[in-house]
N, C-alpha and C. Protein backbone atom coordinates (compact mmCIF):
# COMPACT_ATOMS: atom_id res chain seq x y z
N MET A 1 -5.18 24.50 -6.95
CA MET A 1 -6.21 23.83 -6.83
C MET A 1 -5.77 22.53 -7.11
N ILE A 2 -5.40 22.03 -7.92
CA ILE A 2 -5.31 20.82 -8.54
C ILE A 2 -3.97 20.11 -7.63
N GLU A 3 -3.06 21.11 -7.22
CA GLU A 3 -1.91 20.37 -6.55
C GLU A 3 -2.62 20.35 -4.91
N LYS A 4 -3.40 20.85 -4.68
CA LYS A 4 -3.85 20.50 -3.16
C LYS A 4 -4.76 18.83 -3.52
N LEU A 5 -5.21 19.24 -4.31
CA LEU A 5 -6.11 17.74 -4.57
C LEU A 5 -5.44 16.12 -5.15
N THR A 6 -4.63 16.72 -5.48
CA THR A 6 -3.63 15.18 -5.65
C THR A 6 -2.78 15.22 -4.64
N VAL A 7 -2.75 15.92 -3.58
CA VAL A 7 -1.95 15.63 -2.01
C VAL A 7 -2.71 15.13 -1.70
N ILE A 8 -4.27 15.47 -1.47
CA ILE A 8 -5.15 14.94 -0.88
C ILE A 8 -5.39 13.81 -0.88
N PHE A 9 -5.37 12.89 -2.40
CA PHE A 9 -5.91 11.78 -3.28
C PHE A 9 -4.82 11.17 -2.34
N PHE A 10 -3.75 11.33 -2.62
CA PHE A 10 -2.10 10.49 -2.70
C PHE A 10 -2.67 10.28 -1.10
N ILE A 11 -2.87 11.21 -0.02
CA ILE A 11 -2.83 10.75 1.42
C ILE A 11 -3.90 9.75 1.92
N VAL A 12 -5.18 10.00 0.98
CA VAL A 12 -6.16 9.09 1.31
C VAL A 12 -6.05 7.36 0.76
N LEU A 13 -5.16 7.73 -0.11
CA LEU A 13 -4.39 6.21 -0.97
C LEU A 13 -3.40 5.50 -0.15
N CYS A 14 -2.75 6.55 0.57
CA CYS A 14 -1.75 5.51 1.69
C CYS A 14 -2.38 5.28 2.56
N LEU A 15 -3.66 6.01 3.09
CA LEU A 15 -4.48 5.69 4.68
C LEU A 15 -4.85 4.74 4.28
N LEU A 16 -6.10 4.07 2.78
CA LEU A 16 -7.04 3.45 2.91
C LEU A 16 -5.91 2.27 2.42
N LEU A 17 -4.90 2.10 1.51
CA LEU A 17 -3.55 1.20 1.46
C LEU A 17 -3.24 0.57 2.75
N GLY A 18 -2.54 1.61 3.63
CA GLY A 18 -2.08 1.07 4.84
C GLY A 18 -2.67 0.49 6.07
N PHE A 19 -4.50 0.87 6.09
CA PHE A 19 -5.35 -0.34 6.62
C PHE A 19 -5.63 -1.38 5.56
N TYR A 20 -5.55 -1.38 5.04
CA TYR A 20 -5.43 -2.79 4.08
C TYR A 20 -4.81 -3.68 4.38
N LEU A 21 -3.73 -3.38 4.16
CA LEU A 21 -2.15 -4.55 4.44
C LEU A 21 -2.06 -4.49 5.63
N ILE A 22 -2.28 -3.72 7.02
CA ILE A 22 -2.04 -4.36 8.08
C ILE A 22 -3.65 -5.46 8.29
N LEU A 23 -4.48 -5.25 8.18
CA LEU A 23 -5.73 -5.88 8.20
C LEU A 23 -5.66 -7.31 7.49
N SER A 24 -5.63 -7.10 6.39
CA SER A 24 -6.09 -8.05 5.44
C SER A 24 -4.91 -9.72 6.03
N PRO A 25 -3.95 -9.87 5.86
CA PRO A 25 -3.60 -10.64 6.54
C PRO A 25 -3.58 -11.50 7.55
N TRP A 26 -4.60 -10.85 8.53
CA TRP A 26 -4.41 -10.94 9.75
C TRP A 26 -5.95 -11.58 9.85
N ASP A 27 -7.10 -10.84 9.24
CA ASP A 27 -8.07 -10.96 9.39
C ASP A 27 -9.02 -11.99 8.34
N THR A 28 -10.17 -12.77 8.62
CA THR A 28 -10.84 -13.39 7.66
C THR A 28 -11.81 -12.30 6.85
N LEU A 29 -11.87 -11.04 7.38
CA LEU A 29 -13.15 -10.33 6.64
C LEU A 29 -12.69 -10.20 4.85
N PHE A 30 -11.56 -10.09 4.53
CA PHE A 30 -11.06 -9.79 3.29
C PHE A 30 -11.00 -11.47 2.42
N GLY A 31 -11.24 -12.88 3.04
CA GLY A 31 -11.42 -14.24 2.59
C GLY A 31 -10.17 -14.22 3.56
N ASN A 32 -9.77 -15.55 3.52
CA ASN A 32 -8.90 -16.40 3.76
C ASN A 32 -7.30 -15.84 3.01
N TRP A 33 -6.24 -15.75 3.80
CA TRP A 33 -4.99 -15.21 3.34
C TRP A 33 -3.96 -16.17 2.48
N SER A 34 -4.48 -17.46 3.06
CA SER A 34 -3.60 -18.66 2.46
C SER A 34 -4.31 -19.26 1.69
N GLU A 35 -5.84 -18.98 1.25
CA GLU A 35 -6.48 -19.38 0.06
C GLU A 35 -6.87 -18.44 -0.95
N ASN A 36 -5.77 -17.74 -1.13
CA ASN A 36 -6.55 -16.97 -2.23
C ASN A 36 -6.33 -17.28 -3.40
N TYR A 37 -7.83 -17.49 -4.47
CA TYR A 37 -7.68 -17.81 -5.42
C TYR A 37 -6.69 -18.04 -6.69
N LEU A 38 -6.12 -16.67 -6.58
CA LEU A 38 -5.33 -16.38 -7.62
C LEU A 38 -3.87 -17.09 -7.06
N LEU A 39 -3.68 -17.19 -5.65
CA LEU A 39 -2.52 -17.89 -5.17
C LEU A 39 -2.45 -19.31 -5.31
N VAL A 40 -3.39 -19.56 -4.90
CA VAL A 40 -3.66 -21.50 -5.53
C VAL A 40 -3.30 -21.25 -6.83
N LEU A 41 -4.32 -20.73 -7.80
CA LEU A 41 -3.72 -20.91 -9.34
C LEU A 41 -2.36 -21.06 -9.50
N VAL A 42 -1.89 -19.79 -9.28
CA VAL A 42 -0.31 -19.72 -9.63
C VAL A 42 0.62 -20.61 -8.93
N SER A 43 0.41 -20.73 -7.89
CA SER A 43 0.96 -22.03 -7.62
C SER A 43 1.03 -23.54 -7.68
N GLU A 44 -0.05 -23.54 -8.10
CA GLU A 44 -0.35 -25.15 -8.55
C GLU A 44 0.20 -24.90 -10.29
N GLY A 45 -0.19 -24.41 -10.55
CA GLY A 45 0.49 -23.54 -12.23
C GLY A 45 1.37 -24.31 -12.58
N ALA A 46 2.34 -23.43 -11.56
CA ALA A 46 4.05 -22.91 -11.56
C ALA A 46 4.19 -24.26 -11.11
N GLY A 47 3.73 -25.36 -10.57
CA GLY A 47 4.27 -26.63 -9.60
C GLY A 47 5.17 -25.89 -8.40
N LEU A 48 4.74 -25.00 -7.60
CA LEU A 48 5.62 -24.36 -6.54
C LEU A 48 4.65 -24.24 -5.22
N PRO A 49 4.14 -25.09 -5.06
CA PRO A 49 3.51 -25.29 -3.64
C PRO A 49 3.83 -24.68 -2.26
N VAL A 50 4.85 -24.56 -2.22
CA VAL A 50 6.13 -23.86 -1.43
C VAL A 50 5.44 -22.09 -1.16
N LEU A 51 5.02 -21.44 -2.70
CA LEU A 51 4.98 -20.66 -2.57
C LEU A 51 3.26 -20.35 -1.64
N GLN A 52 2.50 -21.06 -1.76
CA GLN A 52 1.55 -21.01 -0.91
C GLN A 52 1.86 -21.00 0.50
N LYS A 53 2.88 -21.95 0.72
CA LYS A 53 2.87 -21.81 2.17
C LYS A 53 4.28 -20.84 2.81
N THR A 54 4.70 -20.08 1.49
CA THR A 54 5.48 -18.84 2.22
C THR A 54 4.65 -17.92 2.16
N VAL A 55 3.76 -17.68 1.76
CA VAL A 55 2.82 -16.60 1.28
C VAL A 55 1.71 -16.72 3.27
N ALA A 56 1.51 -17.97 3.34
CA ALA A 56 0.54 -18.07 4.78
C ALA A 56 1.52 -18.16 5.98
N SER A 57 2.74 -18.21 5.80
CA SER A 57 3.79 -18.08 6.90
C SER A 57 3.61 -16.51 7.86
N ASN A 58 3.94 -16.82 9.20
CA ASN A 58 3.54 -15.64 9.96
C ASN A 58 4.57 -14.36 9.58
N TRP A 59 5.69 -14.84 8.97
CA TRP A 59 6.87 -13.74 8.77
C TRP A 59 6.24 -13.25 7.86
N PHE A 60 5.68 -13.44 6.63
CA PHE A 60 4.90 -12.91 5.57
C PHE A 60 4.33 -11.67 6.00
N ARG A 61 3.32 -12.74 6.81
CA ARG A 61 2.39 -11.68 7.13
C ARG A 61 2.84 -10.46 7.75
N GLY A 62 3.72 -10.55 8.62
CA GLY A 62 4.60 -9.53 9.20
C GLY A 62 5.07 -8.51 8.42
N ALA A 63 5.55 -8.81 7.41
CA ALA A 63 6.29 -8.07 6.38
C ALA A 63 5.37 -7.50 5.50
N VAL A 64 3.84 -8.02 5.19
CA VAL A 64 2.99 -7.14 4.53
C VAL A 64 2.55 -6.19 5.73
N THR A 65 2.50 -6.52 7.01
CA THR A 65 1.45 -5.64 7.78
C THR A 65 2.65 -4.57 7.99
N GLY A 66 4.01 -4.69 7.82
CA GLY A 66 5.19 -3.75 8.25
C GLY A 66 5.01 -2.56 6.67
N LEU A 67 4.58 -3.14 5.60
CA LEU A 67 4.42 -2.23 4.43
C LEU A 67 3.51 -1.40 4.68
N GLY A 68 2.27 -2.02 5.42
CA GLY A 68 1.11 -0.94 5.84
C GLY A 68 1.16 0.43 6.41
N VAL A 69 2.34 -0.54 7.64
CA VAL A 69 2.77 0.59 8.68
C VAL A 69 3.15 1.62 8.44
N LEU A 70 4.47 1.16 7.30
CA LEU A 70 5.16 2.63 6.17
C LEU A 70 3.83 3.43 5.79
N ASN A 71 3.02 2.46 4.62
CA ASN A 71 1.90 3.51 4.24
C ASN A 71 1.27 4.64 4.77
N LEU A 72 0.91 4.18 5.92
CA LEU A 72 0.25 4.92 7.05
C LEU A 72 1.51 6.03 8.02
N LEU A 73 2.64 5.43 8.11
CA LEU A 73 3.62 6.88 8.51
C LEU A 73 3.85 7.69 6.82
N ILE A 74 3.95 7.18 5.84
CA ILE A 74 3.58 8.23 4.62
C ILE A 74 2.77 9.12 4.85
N ALA A 75 1.24 8.42 5.08
CA ALA A 75 0.40 9.46 4.97
C ALA A 75 0.95 10.53 6.14
N PHE A 76 1.03 10.30 7.40
CA PHE A 76 0.78 11.26 8.11
C PHE A 76 1.68 12.17 7.78
N TRP A 77 2.91 11.69 7.40
CA TRP A 77 3.85 12.83 6.95
C TRP A 77 3.43 13.70 5.72
N GLU A 78 3.05 13.39 4.96
CA GLU A 78 2.41 14.38 4.00
C GLU A 78 1.01 14.90 4.83
N ILE A 79 0.78 14.38 5.39
CA ILE A 79 -0.67 15.33 6.55
C ILE A 79 0.31 16.42 7.20
N ALA A 80 1.09 15.76 7.53
CA ALA A 80 2.27 17.29 8.55
C ALA A 80 3.13 18.17 7.84
N HIS A 81 3.23 17.57 6.14
CA HIS A 81 4.10 18.30 5.57
C HIS A 81 3.04 19.23 3.93
N PHE A 82 1.50 18.96 4.40
CA PHE A 82 0.58 19.20 3.87
C PHE A 82 1.50 20.41 2.39
N LYS A 83 1.22 21.72 2.96
CA LYS A 83 1.69 23.11 2.59
C LYS A 83 3.13 22.58 1.65
N GLN A 84 3.94 21.72 2.34
CA GLN A 84 5.42 22.05 1.48
C GLN A 84 5.14 21.22 0.12
N SER A 85 4.80 20.48 0.54
CA SER A 85 4.19 19.25 -0.76
C SER A 85 2.97 19.93 -1.65
N VAL A 86 2.22 20.71 -1.49
CA VAL A 86 1.71 21.42 -2.24
C VAL A 86 2.55 22.63 -3.14
N ALA A 87 3.35 23.55 -2.76
CA ALA A 87 4.49 24.19 -2.70
C ALA A 87 5.49 23.66 -3.91
N LEU A 88 5.91 22.80 -3.33
CA LEU A 88 6.93 21.59 -4.02
C LEU A 88 5.74 21.13 -5.95
N LEU A 89 4.78 21.04 -5.25
CA LEU A 89 4.17 20.49 -6.67
C LEU A 89 3.94 21.97 -7.88
N ARG A 90 3.21 22.78 -6.75
CA ARG A 90 3.12 24.01 -7.90
C ARG A 90 4.52 24.68 -7.95
N GLU A 91 5.62 24.68 -7.53
CA GLU A 91 6.68 24.91 -8.03
C GLU A 91 7.07 24.17 -9.28
N HIS A 92 7.08 23.00 -9.80
CA HIS A 92 7.38 21.90 -10.15
C HIS A 92 6.08 22.41 -11.84
N ASP A 93 5.25 22.50 -11.56
CA ASP A 93 4.30 22.79 -12.33
C ASP A 93 4.45 24.03 -13.30
N HIS A 94 4.73 25.06 -12.70
CA HIS A 94 4.91 26.68 -13.34
C HIS A 94 6.57 26.33 -13.61
N LYS A 95 7.18 25.44 -13.87
CA LYS A 95 8.64 25.35 -14.17
C LYS A 95 8.21 25.45 -16.09
N PRO A 96 9.06 26.14 -16.76
CA PRO A 96 9.41 25.88 -18.27
C PRO A 96 9.72 24.65 -18.46
N SER A 97 9.23 23.73 -19.49
CA SER A 97 9.84 22.57 -20.11
C SER A 97 10.50 22.71 -21.06
N LYS A 98 11.90 22.07 -20.97
CA LYS A 98 13.14 21.98 -22.34
C LYS A 98 13.15 21.51 -23.39
């Protein structure tokens, strides 16, 4: 039962993280992407204003969106191979430790 819950929680985590990474760079629902308080604090504290400009660029946003798509692909792969993942976890759990 624990193995099934582990795989289910991993799938949910990948789905939520994937949707967040796809939406957050482009939508203002989560706040302005380029004016994140922590980002401004780090870039000003380190004396690197180019860091804030880099994070605000479209290619960086696209890279973050790509990571979100990768997370969704991992979640869908885990859904398609649910029984195999559970079996691997059970097999690993029942092996004696050396």
